[in-house]
């Protein structure tokens, strides 16, 4: 998430009165799509290192995991959000 996106999300949380509420009680959650990049294959990693991999393409994301995570959040479950390593692309 870029600085501007973080600022906008923070402002939205503030305007909705969610920024001072314990995260377990919030009705709004912020998820960064960057957390849901797929782990790259060796071939894709080689392209990424050369700047030739398109991280903006929809197939770069684990959309099934995004949907599963969103459904679990809506069901009130605790979820684990992946942390993507932009150095190792995993």
N, C-alpha and C. Protein backbone atom coordinates (compact mmCIF):
# COMPACT_ATOMS: atom_id res chain seq x y z
N UNK A 1 0.84 -1.16 0.00
CA UNK A 1 0.00 0.00 0.00
C UNK A 1 0.90 1.23 0.00
N UNK A 2 0.59 2.14 -0.89
CA UNK A 2 1.40 3.35 -0.97
C UNK A 2 1.06 4.30 0.18
N UNK A 3 1.91 5.28 0.33
CA UNK A 3 1.71 6.29 1.37
C UNK A 3 0.36 6.99 1.19
N UNK A 4 0.03 7.35 -0.03
CA UNK A 4 -1.24 8.04 -0.30
C UNK A 4 -2.42 7.13 0.01
N UNK A 5 -2.32 5.85 -0.36
CA UNK A 5 -3.40 4.91 -0.07
C UNK A 5 -3.57 4.76 1.44
N UNK A 6 -2.46 4.68 2.16
CA UNK A 6 -2.52 4.57 3.62
C UNK A 6 -3.18 5.79 4.23
N UNK A 7 -2.85 6.97 3.71
CA UNK A 7 -3.44 8.21 4.21
C UNK A 7 -4.93 8.25 3.96
N UNK A 8 -5.34 7.85 2.76
CA UNK A 8 -6.76 7.84 2.41
C UNK A 8 -7.50 6.83 3.29
N UNK A 9 -6.94 5.64 3.44
CA UNK A 9 -7.58 4.62 4.27
C UNK A 9 -7.69 5.09 5.72
N UNK A 10 -6.64 5.70 6.21
CA UNK A 10 -6.65 6.23 7.57
C UNK A 10 -7.71 7.30 7.76
N UNK A 11 -7.84 8.17 6.77
CA UNK A 11 -8.85 9.24 6.83
C UNK A 11 -10.26 8.65 6.81
N UNK A 12 -10.47 7.64 5.98
CA UNK A 12 -11.78 6.98 5.93
C UNK A 12 -12.10 6.35 7.28
N UNK A 13 -11.12 5.67 7.87
CA UNK A 13 -11.32 5.05 9.19
C UNK A 13 -11.68 6.13 10.22
N UNK A 14 -10.99 7.26 10.14
CA UNK A 14 -11.25 8.37 11.07
C UNK A 14 -12.67 8.91 10.89
N UNK A 15 -13.05 9.16 9.63
CA UNK A 15 -14.38 9.71 9.35
C UNK A 15 -15.50 8.75 9.77
N UNK A 16 -15.22 7.46 9.71
CA UNK A 16 -16.20 6.46 10.12
C UNK A 16 -16.16 6.17 11.62
N UNK A 17 -15.25 6.85 12.32
CA UNK A 17 -15.14 6.67 13.76
C UNK A 17 -14.55 5.34 14.16
N UNK A 18 -13.76 4.74 13.29
CA UNK A 18 -13.21 3.41 13.54
C UNK A 18 -11.77 3.44 14.02
N UNK A 19 -11.11 4.59 13.91
CA UNK A 19 -9.67 4.65 14.20
C UNK A 19 -9.33 4.53 15.68
N UNK A 20 -10.27 4.82 16.56
CA UNK A 20 -9.98 4.76 18.00
C UNK A 20 -10.64 3.56 18.68
N UNK A 21 -11.19 2.67 17.88
CA UNK A 21 -11.87 1.48 18.39
C UNK A 21 -10.90 0.30 18.34
N UNK A 22 -10.93 -0.54 19.37
CA UNK A 22 -10.13 -1.76 19.37
C UNK A 22 -10.41 -2.54 18.08
N UNK A 23 -9.35 -3.06 17.45
CA UNK A 23 -9.52 -3.71 16.14
C UNK A 23 -10.47 -4.89 16.19
N UNK A 24 -10.68 -5.50 17.34
CA UNK A 24 -11.64 -6.61 17.44
C UNK A 24 -13.09 -6.12 17.39
N UNK A 25 -13.30 -4.84 17.67
CA UNK A 25 -14.64 -4.27 17.71
C UNK A 25 -14.98 -3.45 16.46
N UNK A 26 -14.02 -3.26 15.59
CA UNK A 26 -14.24 -2.43 14.40
C UNK A 26 -15.22 -3.09 13.44
N UNK A 27 -15.92 -2.23 12.71
CA UNK A 27 -16.82 -2.69 11.66
C UNK A 27 -16.20 -2.47 10.28
N UNK A 28 -15.00 -1.91 10.25
CA UNK A 28 -14.29 -1.64 9.00
C UNK A 28 -12.89 -2.21 9.13
N UNK A 29 -12.44 -2.89 8.10
CA UNK A 29 -11.08 -3.43 8.08
C UNK A 29 -10.38 -2.98 6.81
N UNK A 30 -9.09 -2.77 6.91
CA UNK A 30 -8.29 -2.41 5.74
C UNK A 30 -7.39 -3.59 5.42
N UNK A 31 -7.49 -4.06 4.19
CA UNK A 31 -6.62 -5.13 3.70
C UNK A 31 -5.83 -4.60 2.52
N UNK A 32 -4.55 -4.86 2.51
CA UNK A 32 -3.73 -4.47 1.37
C UNK A 32 -3.65 -5.64 0.40
N UNK A 33 -3.98 -5.38 -0.84
CA UNK A 33 -3.91 -6.43 -1.85
C UNK A 33 -2.47 -6.94 -2.00
N UNK A 34 -1.49 -6.10 -1.65
CA UNK A 34 -0.09 -6.52 -1.71
C UNK A 34 0.18 -7.75 -0.85
N UNK A 35 -0.63 -7.97 0.16
CA UNK A 35 -0.45 -9.14 1.04
C UNK A 35 -0.82 -10.44 0.34
N UNK A 36 -1.47 -10.36 -0.79
CA UNK A 36 -2.01 -11.54 -1.44
C UNK A 36 -1.38 -11.85 -2.80
N UNK A 37 -0.13 -11.39 -3.01
CA UNK A 37 0.58 -11.80 -4.23
C UNK A 37 0.84 -13.29 -4.16
N UNK A 38 0.79 -13.93 -5.32
CA UNK A 38 1.14 -15.35 -5.38
C UNK A 38 2.65 -15.49 -5.20
N UNK A 39 3.06 -16.65 -4.69
CA UNK A 39 4.49 -16.96 -4.63
C UNK A 39 4.93 -17.21 -6.07
N UNK A 40 6.00 -16.58 -6.48
CA UNK A 40 6.46 -16.70 -7.87
C UNK A 40 7.24 -17.99 -8.10
N UNK A 41 7.07 -18.51 -9.30
CA UNK A 41 7.87 -19.65 -9.73
C UNK A 41 9.30 -19.16 -9.99
N UNK A 42 10.26 -20.05 -10.12
CA UNK A 42 11.63 -19.61 -10.44
C UNK A 42 11.68 -18.78 -11.73
N UNK A 43 10.90 -19.16 -12.73
CA UNK A 43 10.89 -18.41 -13.99
C UNK A 43 10.32 -17.00 -13.79
N UNK A 44 9.25 -16.92 -13.00
CA UNK A 44 8.65 -15.62 -12.73
C UNK A 44 9.58 -14.74 -11.89
N UNK A 45 10.29 -15.36 -10.94
CA UNK A 45 11.26 -14.61 -10.13
C UNK A 45 12.35 -14.01 -11.01
N UNK A 46 12.82 -14.80 -11.99
CA UNK A 46 13.85 -14.31 -12.90
C UNK A 46 13.33 -13.09 -13.67
N UNK A 47 12.08 -13.16 -14.13
CA UNK A 47 11.48 -12.02 -14.83
C UNK A 47 11.36 -10.82 -13.89
N UNK A 48 10.94 -11.07 -12.65
CA UNK A 48 10.77 -9.98 -11.68
C UNK A 48 12.09 -9.27 -11.43
N UNK A 49 13.16 -10.03 -11.31
CA UNK A 49 14.47 -9.44 -11.06
C UNK A 49 14.93 -8.55 -12.21
N UNK A 50 14.43 -8.85 -13.42
CA UNK A 50 14.76 -8.04 -14.60
C UNK A 50 13.73 -6.93 -14.82
N UNK A 51 12.73 -6.85 -13.94
CA UNK A 51 11.67 -5.85 -14.11
C UNK A 51 10.69 -6.20 -15.19
N UNK A 52 10.60 -7.49 -15.52
CA UNK A 52 9.75 -7.93 -16.63
C UNK A 52 8.50 -8.67 -16.17
N UNK A 53 8.26 -8.73 -14.86
CA UNK A 53 7.06 -9.41 -14.36
C UNK A 53 6.00 -8.36 -14.06
N UNK A 54 4.78 -8.61 -14.51
CA UNK A 54 3.69 -7.65 -14.33
C UNK A 54 2.96 -7.92 -13.00
N UNK A 55 3.36 -7.20 -11.96
CA UNK A 55 2.73 -7.37 -10.65
C UNK A 55 1.33 -6.74 -10.60
N UNK A 56 0.95 -6.01 -11.63
CA UNK A 56 -0.38 -5.39 -11.67
C UNK A 56 -1.42 -6.29 -12.34
N UNK A 57 -0.98 -7.37 -12.97
CA UNK A 57 -1.91 -8.28 -13.65
C UNK A 57 -2.75 -9.02 -12.61
N UNK A 58 -4.04 -9.19 -12.86
CA UNK A 58 -4.90 -9.90 -11.89
C UNK A 58 -4.38 -11.29 -11.50
N UNK A 59 -3.70 -11.97 -12.42
CA UNK A 59 -3.19 -13.31 -12.11
C UNK A 59 -2.01 -13.29 -11.14
N UNK A 60 -1.47 -12.11 -10.85
CA UNK A 60 -0.36 -12.01 -9.90
C UNK A 60 -0.84 -12.21 -8.46
N UNK A 61 -2.16 -12.15 -8.26
CA UNK A 61 -2.73 -12.24 -6.92
C UNK A 61 -3.40 -13.59 -6.68
N UNK A 62 -3.38 -14.02 -5.43
CA UNK A 62 -4.07 -15.25 -5.03
C UNK A 62 -5.52 -14.86 -4.70
N UNK A 63 -6.32 -14.75 -5.75
CA UNK A 63 -7.69 -14.27 -5.59
C UNK A 63 -8.55 -15.20 -4.74
N UNK A 64 -8.30 -16.50 -4.82
CA UNK A 64 -9.05 -17.44 -3.98
C UNK A 64 -8.79 -17.16 -2.51
N UNK A 65 -7.54 -16.88 -2.16
CA UNK A 65 -7.20 -16.58 -0.77
C UNK A 65 -7.80 -15.25 -0.34
N UNK A 66 -7.84 -14.28 -1.25
CA UNK A 66 -8.47 -13.00 -0.92
C UNK A 66 -9.94 -13.22 -0.58
N UNK A 67 -10.65 -13.95 -1.43
CA UNK A 67 -12.08 -14.19 -1.21
C UNK A 67 -12.30 -14.98 0.08
N UNK A 68 -11.49 -16.02 0.29
CA UNK A 68 -11.61 -16.83 1.51
C UNK A 68 -11.40 -15.96 2.75
N UNK A 69 -10.38 -15.11 2.72
CA UNK A 69 -10.09 -14.24 3.85
C UNK A 69 -11.23 -13.26 4.09
N UNK A 70 -11.75 -12.66 3.03
CA UNK A 70 -12.87 -11.72 3.18
C UNK A 70 -14.10 -12.41 3.76
N UNK A 71 -14.39 -13.63 3.29
CA UNK A 71 -15.54 -14.38 3.82
C UNK A 71 -15.36 -14.67 5.30
N UNK A 72 -14.15 -15.06 5.69
CA UNK A 72 -13.89 -15.35 7.09
C UNK A 72 -14.03 -14.09 7.95
N UNK A 73 -13.58 -12.96 7.44
CA UNK A 73 -13.74 -11.70 8.17
C UNK A 73 -15.23 -11.38 8.36
N UNK A 74 -16.00 -11.54 7.28
CA UNK A 74 -17.44 -11.25 7.36
C UNK A 74 -18.16 -12.20 8.31
N UNK A 75 -17.61 -13.40 8.50
CA UNK A 75 -18.19 -14.36 9.45
C UNK A 75 -17.74 -14.08 10.88
N UNK A 76 -16.88 -13.08 11.05
CA UNK A 76 -16.42 -12.72 12.38
C UNK A 76 -15.25 -13.55 12.88
N UNK A 77 -14.62 -14.29 11.98
CA UNK A 77 -13.49 -15.12 12.37
C UNK A 77 -12.21 -14.30 12.44
N UNK A 78 -11.24 -14.82 13.20
CA UNK A 78 -9.90 -14.25 13.21
C UNK A 78 -9.17 -14.81 11.99
N UNK A 79 -8.47 -13.95 11.27
CA UNK A 79 -7.78 -14.39 10.05
C UNK A 79 -6.29 -14.10 10.16
N UNK A 80 -5.52 -14.84 9.38
CA UNK A 80 -4.09 -14.60 9.25
C UNK A 80 -3.86 -13.95 7.89
N UNK A 81 -3.29 -12.78 7.89
CA UNK A 81 -3.00 -12.07 6.65
C UNK A 81 -1.56 -12.37 6.27
N UNK A 82 -1.34 -12.89 5.05
CA UNK A 82 0.03 -13.18 4.63
C UNK A 82 0.89 -11.92 4.58
N UNK A 83 2.16 -12.10 4.76
CA UNK A 83 3.12 -11.00 4.61
C UNK A 83 3.98 -11.35 3.41
N UNK A 84 3.84 -10.57 2.34
CA UNK A 84 4.59 -10.85 1.12
C UNK A 84 5.98 -10.25 1.22
N UNK A 85 6.97 -11.04 0.87
CA UNK A 85 8.37 -10.58 0.88
C UNK A 85 8.73 -10.15 -0.54
N UNK A 86 8.87 -8.85 -0.73
CA UNK A 86 9.15 -8.32 -2.07
C UNK A 86 10.57 -8.59 -2.53
N UNK A 87 11.43 -9.00 -1.63
CA UNK A 87 12.81 -9.33 -2.01
C UNK A 87 12.87 -10.75 -2.56
N UNK A 88 12.27 -11.70 -1.83
CA UNK A 88 12.33 -13.10 -2.27
C UNK A 88 11.14 -13.48 -3.14
N UNK A 89 10.16 -12.59 -3.25
CA UNK A 89 8.94 -12.84 -4.02
C UNK A 89 8.24 -14.09 -3.52
N UNK A 90 8.10 -14.16 -2.21
CA UNK A 90 7.37 -15.29 -1.62
C UNK A 90 6.63 -14.83 -0.37
